[in-house]
Amino acid sequence: YGNFVTYDPPLTPLTVLLWVLPLAAIVAGGWIIVARTRRRVRIRQDVLADAIPAAGPRAGWGVYVPGVVMALVVAAISYSQTGSYQQVRAWQQATAQTPGLLARALDPQAQPLNEEEMARLALGLRTRLQNDAGNVEGWLMLGRIGMVLGNAGTATGAYANAYRLDPKNRDAALGYAEALTRSSDPEDNRRGGELLRQLVRSDHTDIRVLSLYAFSAFEQQRFDEAVAAWEMMLKLLPAGDARRAVIERSIRLAQEK
């Protein structure tokens, strides 16, 4: 089976081992059967060398039982060591628990999901989305979970799908931009910055967009752009907002660069 539950390429060393070991066990079992049969024939020929052997009954099933049992035992051991049954079981459990976990995640009054529950929800959502790839909200939820879990691949892929399906969806665009700016790939950072600039041009009063844009510009050492975005945020935030102090410190730090 390979690691298909984790959506890795199915041809892995474990996959090869999973199929080679049972085949080797079958070959070994067949060899044992042939060897036992030849040994019996040799013994009979030695004992009855001067006699014409009479045609006896064909060997019963008992002759084949040891080889078959050995083949099955080796196959079972190899599967227990290399198979993906534990992953399959976890996948089945995650799929069954997805509705309840999703309801909790969407209910602000419910107990928050822990990391293990979020991982199961991500697996269940990913399975659902294989059959419902046009569900923008599903991809957005998977992207958010990927960000919380620190899984850059899951987050970027999910937000990319949501943005591709609905480029005008601001949550999808902002999530995709954030995932790109947090990537270790400079090209992703560049694309994320460009997407953020587009979002700022379309609405320069969105605090979330301005905050992410300022952070991205600062990380890429575009300090003038970062300061401009933070100053815009100061104009939008009320006087008593606790975020103002953090933004003012960030502006001073950027100006010192």
Protein backbone atom coordinates (compact mmCIF):
# COMPACT_ATOMS: atom_id res chain seq x y z
CA TYR A 1 0.00 0.00 0.00
CA GLY A 2 2.86 2.40 0.62
CA ASN A 3 2.08 5.53 2.62
CA PHE A 4 -1.00 6.51 0.64
CA VAL A 5 -2.77 7.84 3.73
CA THR A 6 -0.19 10.61 3.99
CA TYR A 7 -0.40 11.24 0.25
CA ASP A 8 3.26 10.43 -0.30
CA PRO A 9 4.28 8.77 -3.59
CA PRO A 10 3.11 5.15 -3.25
CA LEU A 11 6.36 3.56 -4.50
CA THR A 12 8.55 3.55 -1.40
CA PRO A 13 11.10 1.05 -0.05
CA LEU A 14 8.43 -0.20 2.34
CA THR A 15 6.10 -0.81 -0.59
CA VAL A 16 8.72 -2.86 -2.41
CA LEU A 17 9.51 -4.81 0.76
CA LEU A 18 5.82 -5.41 1.39
CA TRP A 19 5.45 -7.23 -1.92
CA VAL A 20 8.89 -8.82 -2.18
CA LEU A 21 8.83 -10.58 1.20
CA PRO A 22 5.55 -12.47 0.64
CA LEU A 23 6.78 -13.47 -2.82
CA ALA A 24 10.03 -14.70 -1.32
CA ALA A 25 8.06 -16.61 1.31
CA ILE A 26 5.96 -18.31 -1.36
CA VAL A 27 9.08 -19.24 -3.32
CA ALA A 28 10.71 -20.59 -0.15
CA GLY A 29 7.59 -22.60 0.65
CA GLY A 30 7.54 -24.04 -2.84
CA TRP A 31 11.20 -24.93 -2.58
CA ILE A 32 10.57 -26.75 0.72
CA ILE A 33 7.74 -28.72 -0.86
CA VAL A 34 9.89 -29.72 -3.84
CA ALA A 35 12.84 -30.60 -1.59
CA ARG A 36 10.67 -32.81 0.64
CA THR A 37 9.19 -34.54 -2.38
CA ARG A 38 12.62 -35.21 -3.91
CA ARG A 39 13.92 -36.50 -0.59
CA ARG A 40 11.06 -38.99 -0.35
CA VAL A 41 11.70 -40.15 -3.89
CA ARG A 42 15.42 -40.60 -3.16
CA ILE A 43 14.75 -42.62 -0.03
CA ARG A 44 12.26 -44.81 -1.84
CA GLN A 45 14.73 -45.44 -4.66
CA ASP A 46 17.49 -46.40 -2.21
CA VAL A 47 15.28 -48.81 -0.29
CA LEU A 48 13.67 -50.37 -3.34
CA ALA A 49 16.65 -50.21 -5.68
CA ASP A 50 16.11 -53.76 -6.95
CA ALA A 51 12.35 -53.55 -7.18
CA ILE A 52 10.08 -51.93 -9.68
CA PRO A 53 8.30 -49.25 -7.75
CA ALA A 54 4.57 -49.49 -7.90
CA ALA A 55 2.54 -46.41 -8.55
CA GLY A 56 1.48 -45.21 -5.14
CA PRO A 57 -1.16 -42.73 -4.14
CA ARG A 58 -0.46 -39.07 -4.73
CA ALA A 59 0.93 -37.08 -1.84
CA GLY A 60 -1.79 -35.77 0.46
CA TRP A 61 -2.36 -32.21 1.53
CA GLY A 62 -0.21 -32.83 4.57
CA VAL A 63 2.90 -32.58 2.40
CA TYR A 64 2.05 -29.01 1.43
CA VAL A 65 0.87 -27.75 4.81
CA PRO A 66 4.32 -26.84 6.26
CA GLY A 67 5.28 -24.78 3.23
CA VAL A 68 1.94 -22.99 3.11
CA VAL A 69 2.03 -22.26 6.84
CA MET A 70 5.57 -20.91 6.60
CA ALA A 71 4.63 -18.70 3.66
CA LEU A 72 1.64 -17.29 5.54
CA VAL A 73 3.67 -16.69 8.70
CA VAL A 74 6.43 -14.88 6.85
CA ALA A 75 3.87 -12.83 4.91
CA ALA A 76 2.06 -11.87 8.13
CA ILE A 77 5.32 -10.87 9.84
CA SER A 78 6.47 -8.84 6.85
CA TYR A 79 3.13 -7.02 6.65
CA SER A 80 3.14 -6.27 10.36
CA GLN A 81 6.60 -4.75 10.01
CA THR A 82 6.19 -2.90 6.70
CA GLY A 83 2.46 -2.58 6.08
CA SER A 84 0.35 0.51 6.57
CA TYR A 85 -2.50 -1.03 8.53
CA GLN A 86 -1.90 1.30 11.48
CA GLN A 87 -2.04 4.30 9.17
CA VAL A 88 -5.17 2.93 7.53
CA ARG A 89 -6.78 2.48 10.94
CA ALA A 90 -5.84 6.03 11.97
CA TRP A 91 -7.22 7.33 8.67
CA GLN A 92 -10.51 5.47 9.20
CA GLN A 93 -10.82 6.82 12.74
CA ALA A 94 -10.04 10.37 11.60
CA THR A 95 -12.64 10.13 8.83
CA ALA A 96 -15.28 8.93 11.29
CA GLN A 97 -14.44 11.68 13.80
CA THR A 98 -14.30 14.52 11.26
CA PRO A 99 -17.93 15.74 11.65
CA GLY A 100 -17.64 16.02 15.43
CA LEU A 101 -14.20 17.64 15.34
CA LEU A 102 -15.31 20.10 12.68
CA ALA A 103 -18.36 21.07 14.73
CA ARG A 104 -16.14 21.73 17.76
CA ALA A 105 -13.69 23.76 15.70
CA LEU A 106 -16.49 26.00 14.42
CA ASP A 107 -18.21 26.41 17.79
CA PRO A 108 -16.64 29.26 19.82
CA GLN A 109 -18.29 27.91 22.98
CA ALA A 110 -16.87 24.39 22.59
CA GLN A 111 -13.61 23.13 24.07
CA PRO A 112 -10.72 24.01 21.72
CA LEU A 113 -9.11 21.18 19.81
CA ASN A 114 -5.70 20.00 20.95
CA GLU A 115 -2.86 19.37 18.50
CA GLU A 116 -3.65 15.68 18.05
CA GLU A 117 -7.31 16.41 17.35
CA MET A 118 -6.38 19.10 14.84
CA ALA A 119 -4.09 16.63 13.07
CA ARG A 120 -6.96 14.12 12.86
CA LEU A 121 -9.29 16.84 11.59
CA ALA A 122 -6.75 17.81 8.93
CA LEU A 123 -6.53 14.19 7.77
CA GLY A 124 -10.31 13.85 7.68
CA LEU A 125 -10.74 17.14 5.81
CA ARG A 126 -8.10 16.19 3.28
CA THR A 127 -9.94 12.94 2.66
CA ARG A 128 -13.24 14.77 2.21
CA LEU A 129 -11.70 17.26 -0.19
CA GLN A 130 -10.51 14.48 -2.46
CA ASN A 131 -14.19 13.98 -3.33
CA ASP A 132 -15.23 17.63 -2.95
CA ALA A 133 -12.32 19.56 -4.43
CA GLY A 134 -14.48 22.60 -5.20
CA ASN A 135 -15.25 23.33 -1.54
CA VAL A 136 -13.54 26.67 -0.91
CA GLU A 137 -14.45 26.78 2.78
CA GLY A 138 -13.06 23.28 3.26
CA TRP A 139 -9.72 24.30 1.75
CA LEU A 140 -9.67 27.44 3.91
CA MET A 141 -10.26 25.38 7.05
CA LEU A 142 -7.49 22.95 6.06
CA GLY A 143 -5.16 25.88 5.39
CA ARG A 144 -5.83 27.37 8.84
CA ILE A 145 -5.20 24.03 10.52
CA GLY A 146 -1.98 23.64 8.55
CA MET A 147 -0.80 27.04 9.78
CA VAL A 148 -1.62 26.19 13.40
CA LEU A 149 0.19 22.85 13.13
CA GLY A 150 3.19 24.47 11.45
CA ASN A 151 2.70 22.29 8.37
CA ALA A 152 3.78 24.66 5.60
CA GLY A 153 3.09 22.20 2.80
CA THR A 154 -0.49 21.55 3.89
CA ALA A 155 -1.22 25.23 4.53
CA THR A 156 0.26 26.49 1.26
CA GLY A 157 -1.40 23.79 -0.83
CA ALA A 158 -4.80 24.28 0.80
CA TYR A 159 -4.77 28.06 0.50
CA ALA A 160 -3.52 27.81 -3.09
CA ASN A 161 -6.53 25.64 -3.96
CA ALA A 162 -8.93 28.03 -2.23
CA TYR A 163 -7.41 31.04 -4.02
CA ARG A 164 -7.48 29.25 -7.38
CA LEU A 165 -11.16 28.42 -6.92
CA ASP A 166 -12.12 31.93 -5.77
CA PRO A 167 -9.47 34.62 -6.44
CA LYS A 168 -11.82 37.31 -5.11
CA ASN A 169 -12.14 35.62 -1.72
CA ARG A 170 -10.13 37.89 0.57
CA ASP A 171 -9.62 35.21 3.23
CA ALA A 172 -8.22 32.85 0.61
CA ALA A 173 -5.92 35.52 -0.83
CA LEU A 174 -4.68 36.66 2.58
CA GLY A 175 -4.14 33.09 3.80
CA TYR A 176 -2.25 32.18 0.64
CA ALA A 177 -0.12 35.32 0.90
CA GLU A 178 0.71 34.60 4.53
CA ALA A 179 1.70 31.00 3.75
CA LEU A 180 3.94 32.20 0.92
CA THR A 181 5.63 34.88 3.03
CA ARG A 182 6.45 32.31 5.71
CA SER A 183 8.03 29.94 3.22
CA SER A 184 11.78 29.33 3.20
CA ASP A 185 11.77 29.75 -0.59
CA PRO A 186 12.68 33.32 -1.66
CA GLU A 187 10.50 32.98 -4.76
CA ASP A 188 7.50 32.15 -2.56
CA ASN A 189 8.30 35.20 -0.44
CA ARG A 190 8.37 37.39 -3.54
CA ARG A 191 5.03 36.04 -4.77
CA GLY A 192 3.52 36.49 -1.33
CA GLY A 193 4.72 40.09 -1.16
CA GLU A 194 3.26 40.85 -4.58
CA LEU A 195 -0.08 39.36 -3.59
CA LEU A 196 -0.07 41.46 -0.41
CA ARG A 197 0.61 44.62 -2.42
CA GLN A 198 -2.42 43.82 -4.56
CA LEU A 199 -4.54 43.38 -1.45
CA VAL A 200 -3.33 46.69 0.01
CA ARG A 201 -4.12 48.51 -3.23
CA SER A 202 -7.62 47.04 -3.29
CA ASP A 203 -8.32 48.00 0.36
CA HIS A 204 -5.80 50.02 2.35
CA THR A 205 -7.99 50.00 5.48
CA ASP A 206 -7.74 46.27 6.22
CA ILE A 207 -5.70 45.96 9.42
CA ARG A 208 -4.92 42.28 8.82
CA VAL A 209 -3.52 42.95 5.36
CA LEU A 210 -1.50 45.97 6.50
CA SER A 211 -0.04 44.05 9.44
CA LEU A 212 1.03 41.11 7.30
CA TYR A 213 2.34 43.40 4.59
CA ALA A 214 4.44 45.36 7.10
CA PHE A 215 5.86 42.17 8.58
CA SER A 216 6.68 40.77 5.13
CA ALA A 217 8.35 44.01 4.04
CA PHE A 218 10.39 44.14 7.24
CA GLU A 219 11.55 40.53 6.82
CA GLN A 220 12.64 41.28 3.26
CA GLN A 221 14.44 44.43 4.47
CA ARG A 222 12.09 46.81 2.67
CA PHE A 223 12.02 49.02 5.74
CA ASP A 224 10.44 52.10 4.15
CA GLU A 225 7.45 50.02 3.00
CA ALA A 226 7.14 48.43 6.44
CA VAL A 227 7.15 51.83 8.16
CA ALA A 228 4.55 53.18 5.72
CA ALA A 229 2.24 50.22 6.41
CA TRP A 230 2.62 50.53 10.19
CA GLU A 231 1.96 54.27 10.07
CA MET A 232 -1.20 53.56 8.10
CA MET A 233 -2.24 51.12 10.83
CA LEU A 234 -1.69 53.77 13.51
CA LYS A 235 -4.11 56.07 11.69
CA LEU A 236 -6.75 53.34 11.66
CA LEU A 237 -6.42 52.05 15.24
CA PRO A 238 -8.21 53.83 18.12
CA ALA A 239 -6.14 55.79 20.63
CA GLY A 240 -6.39 53.26 23.44
CA ASP A 241 -5.61 50.17 21.36
CA ALA A 242 -2.85 48.05 22.95
CA ARG A 243 -1.40 47.27 19.52
CA ARG A 244 -0.29 50.86 19.04
CA ALA A 245 2.66 50.48 21.42
CA VAL A 246 3.91 47.39 19.59
CA ILE A 247 3.57 49.12 16.22
CA GLU A 248 5.41 52.22 17.42
CA ARG A 249 8.30 50.07 18.66
CA SER A 250 8.37 48.27 15.31
CA ILE A 251 8.52 51.60 13.47
CA ARG A 252 11.47 52.77 15.58
CA LEU A 253 13.26 49.47 14.97
CA ALA A 254 12.72 49.71 11.21
CA GLN A 255 13.91 53.32 11.13
CA GLU A 256 17.15 52.30 12.85
CA LYS A 257 17.95 49.80 10.10
